[in-house]
């Protein structure tokens, strides 16, 4: 498995607009991408402008396919000016 974590800080005035787009992107990723196994969208009630994503893919190629998908490209374009900052990390599962 290939894990992806993303911390996103949203411009406060754009949060209500961002969340539905994020949830649609997550649902489409899970529904249309066979290599996407998990896509959690998390928030913190104390820091409402912060979004944490936890995604699991079969491998790096599946994540790259996600980034190349039409629905992700449309999402990325739609939200680019809503994001104040973003930090992405990727992790390979340690073999057992």
C-alpha atoms as a PDB file:
ATOM      1  CA  UNK A   1       0.000   0.000   0.000  1.00  0.00           C
ATOM      2  CA  UNK A   2       0.970   3.600  -0.619  1.00  0.00           C
ATOM      3  CA  UNK A   3      -0.271   6.173   1.904  1.00  0.00           C
ATOM      4  CA  UNK A   4      -0.727   9.872   1.222  1.00  0.00           C
ATOM      5  CA  UNK A   5      -1.338  12.510   3.876  1.00  0.00           C
ATOM      6  CA  UNK A   6      -2.184  16.094   3.059  1.00  0.00           C
ATOM      7  CA  UNK A   7      -2.581  19.048   5.440  1.00  0.00           C
ATOM      8  CA  UNK A   8      -4.512  21.868   3.783  1.00  0.00           C
ATOM      9  CA  UNK A   9      -5.200  25.272   5.288  1.00  0.00           C
ATOM     10  CA  UNK A  10      -8.176  26.889   3.589  1.00  0.00           C
ATOM     11  CA  UNK A  11      -8.771  30.616   3.377  1.00  0.00           C
ATOM     12  CA  UNK A  12     -11.419  31.061   6.078  1.00  0.00           C
ATOM     13  CA  UNK A  13     -13.913  32.816   3.832  1.00  0.00           C
ATOM     14  CA  UNK A  14     -13.738  29.940   1.298  1.00  0.00           C
ATOM     15  CA  UNK A  15     -14.237  26.962   3.642  1.00  0.00           C
ATOM     16  CA  UNK A  16     -17.965  26.495   2.977  1.00  0.00           C
ATOM     17  CA  UNK A  17     -17.254  26.473  -0.751  1.00  0.00           C
ATOM     18  CA  UNK A  18     -14.244  24.149  -0.474  1.00  0.00           C
ATOM     19  CA  UNK A  19     -15.690  21.292   1.582  1.00  0.00           C
ATOM     20  CA  UNK A  20     -18.377  20.096  -0.880  1.00  0.00           C
ATOM     21  CA  UNK A  21     -15.791  20.083  -3.684  1.00  0.00           C
ATOM     22  CA  UNK A  22     -13.380  18.104  -1.492  1.00  0.00           C
ATOM     23  CA  UNK A  23     -16.033  15.556  -0.564  1.00  0.00           C
ATOM     24  CA  UNK A  24     -17.002  15.087  -4.228  1.00  0.00           C
ATOM     25  CA  UNK A  25     -13.350  14.565  -5.176  1.00  0.00           C
ATOM     26  CA  UNK A  26     -12.962  11.945  -2.427  1.00  0.00           C
ATOM     27  CA  UNK A  27     -16.136  10.108  -3.486  1.00  0.00           C
ATOM     28  CA  UNK A  28     -15.131  10.096  -7.165  1.00  0.00           C
ATOM     29  CA  UNK A  29     -11.656   8.863  -6.283  1.00  0.00           C
ATOM     30  CA  UNK A  30     -13.077   5.942  -4.314  1.00  0.00           C
ATOM     31  CA  UNK A  31     -15.771   5.195  -6.873  1.00  0.00           C
ATOM     32  CA  UNK A  32     -13.820   5.529 -10.111  1.00  0.00           C
ATOM     33  CA  UNK A  33     -10.237   4.623  -9.258  1.00  0.00           C
ATOM     34  CA  UNK A  34      -9.628   0.911  -8.648  1.00  0.00           C
ATOM     35  CA  UNK A  35      -6.262   1.729  -7.051  1.00  0.00           C
ATOM     36  CA  UNK A  36      -7.786   4.082  -4.439  1.00  0.00           C
ATOM     37  CA  UNK A  37      -8.730   2.120  -1.311  1.00  0.00           C
ATOM     38  CA  UNK A  38      -9.339   4.887   1.230  1.00  0.00           C
ATOM     39  CA  UNK A  39      -9.890   8.629   1.078  1.00  0.00           C
ATOM     40  CA  UNK A  40     -10.694  10.227   4.421  1.00  0.00           C
ATOM     41  CA  UNK A  41     -11.418  13.935   4.747  1.00  0.00           C
ATOM     42  CA  UNK A  42     -10.913  15.086   8.347  1.00  0.00           C
ATOM     43  CA  UNK A  43     -11.434  18.382  10.149  1.00  0.00           C
ATOM     44  CA  UNK A  44     -10.689  19.686  13.632  1.00  0.00           C
ATOM     45  CA  UNK A  45     -13.469  21.612  15.364  1.00  0.00           C
ATOM     46  CA  UNK A  46     -10.846  23.833  17.023  1.00  0.00           C
ATOM     47  CA  UNK A  47      -9.181  24.711  13.695  1.00  0.00           C
ATOM     48  CA  UNK A  48     -11.984  24.789  11.156  1.00  0.00           C
ATOM     49  CA  UNK A  49      -9.763  26.181   8.391  1.00  0.00           C
ATOM     50  CA  UNK A  50      -7.555  23.057   8.478  1.00  0.00           C
ATOM     51  CA  UNK A  51      -8.310  19.917   6.478  1.00  0.00           C
ATOM     52  CA  UNK A  52      -6.411  16.642   6.839  1.00  0.00           C
ATOM     53  CA  UNK A  53      -6.584  14.012   4.105  1.00  0.00           C
ATOM     54  CA  UNK A  54      -5.603  10.383   4.533  1.00  0.00           C
ATOM     55  CA  UNK A  55      -5.518   8.367   1.324  1.00  0.00           C
ATOM     56  CA  UNK A  56      -4.470   4.780   0.579  1.00  0.00           C
ATOM     57  CA  UNK A  57      -3.548   3.565  -2.882  1.00  0.00           C
ATOM     58  CA  UNK A  58      -2.360   0.216  -4.180  1.00  0.00           C
ATOM     59  CA  UNK A  59       1.002   1.743  -5.112  1.00  0.00           C
ATOM     60  CA  UNK A  60       2.615   4.961  -6.309  1.00  0.00           C
ATOM     61  CA  UNK A  61       1.360   4.376  -9.866  1.00  0.00           C
ATOM     62  CA  UNK A  62      -2.229   4.330  -8.564  1.00  0.00           C
ATOM     63  CA  UNK A  63      -1.640   7.668  -6.820  1.00  0.00           C
ATOM     64  CA  UNK A  64      -0.150   9.119  -9.995  1.00  0.00           C
ATOM     65  CA  UNK A  65      -3.235   7.878 -11.892  1.00  0.00           C
ATOM     66  CA  UNK A  66      -5.342   9.743  -9.326  1.00  0.00           C
ATOM     67  CA  UNK A  67      -3.410  12.956  -9.985  1.00  0.00           C
ATOM     68  CA  UNK A  68      -3.903  12.479 -13.743  1.00  0.00           C
ATOM     69  CA  UNK A  69      -7.664  11.801 -13.493  1.00  0.00           C
ATOM     70  CA  UNK A  70     -10.092  14.281 -15.013  1.00  0.00           C
ATOM     71  CA  UNK A  71     -12.029  14.665 -11.768  1.00  0.00           C
ATOM     72  CA  UNK A  72      -8.868  15.489  -9.783  1.00  0.00           C
ATOM     73  CA  UNK A  73      -7.671  17.992 -12.381  1.00  0.00           C
ATOM     74  CA  UNK A  74     -11.077  19.733 -12.317  1.00  0.00           C
ATOM     75  CA  UNK A  75     -11.070  19.757  -8.496  1.00  0.00           C
ATOM     76  CA  UNK A  76      -7.510  21.086  -8.322  1.00  0.00           C
ATOM     77  CA  UNK A  77      -8.319  23.914 -10.719  1.00  0.00           C
ATOM     78  CA  UNK A  78     -11.542  24.807  -8.887  1.00  0.00           C
ATOM     79  CA  UNK A  79      -9.918  25.040  -5.431  1.00  0.00           C
ATOM     80  CA  UNK A  80      -6.462  26.425  -6.196  1.00  0.00           C
ATOM     81  CA  UNK A  81      -7.308  29.971  -5.086  1.00  0.00           C
ATOM     82  CA  UNK A  82      -9.098  28.721  -1.939  1.00  0.00           C
ATOM     83  CA  UNK A  83      -5.955  27.178  -0.446  1.00  0.00           C
ATOM     84  CA  UNK A  84      -3.702  29.193   1.853  1.00  0.00           C
ATOM     85  CA  UNK A  85      -1.152  26.368   2.271  1.00  0.00           C
ATOM     86  CA  UNK A  86      -0.757  22.666   1.567  1.00  0.00           C
ATOM     87  CA  UNK A  87       1.709  20.028   2.759  1.00  0.00           C
ATOM     88  CA  UNK A  88       1.713  16.570   1.159  1.00  0.00           C
ATOM     89  CA  UNK A  89       3.647  13.516   2.348  1.00  0.00           C
ATOM     90  CA  UNK A  90       3.758  10.006   0.915  1.00  0.00           C
ATOM     91  CA  UNK A  91       4.655   6.739   2.594  1.00  0.00           C
ATOM     92  CA  UNK A  92       5.372   3.203   1.417  1.00  0.00           C
ATOM     93  CA  UNK A  93       4.074   0.405   3.619  1.00  0.00           C
ATOM     94  CA  UNK A  94       6.848  -1.455   5.420  1.00  0.00           C
ATOM     95  CA  UNK A  95       6.882  -5.088   4.258  1.00  0.00           C
ATOM     96  CA  UNK A  96       5.988  -7.608   6.939  1.00  0.00           C
END
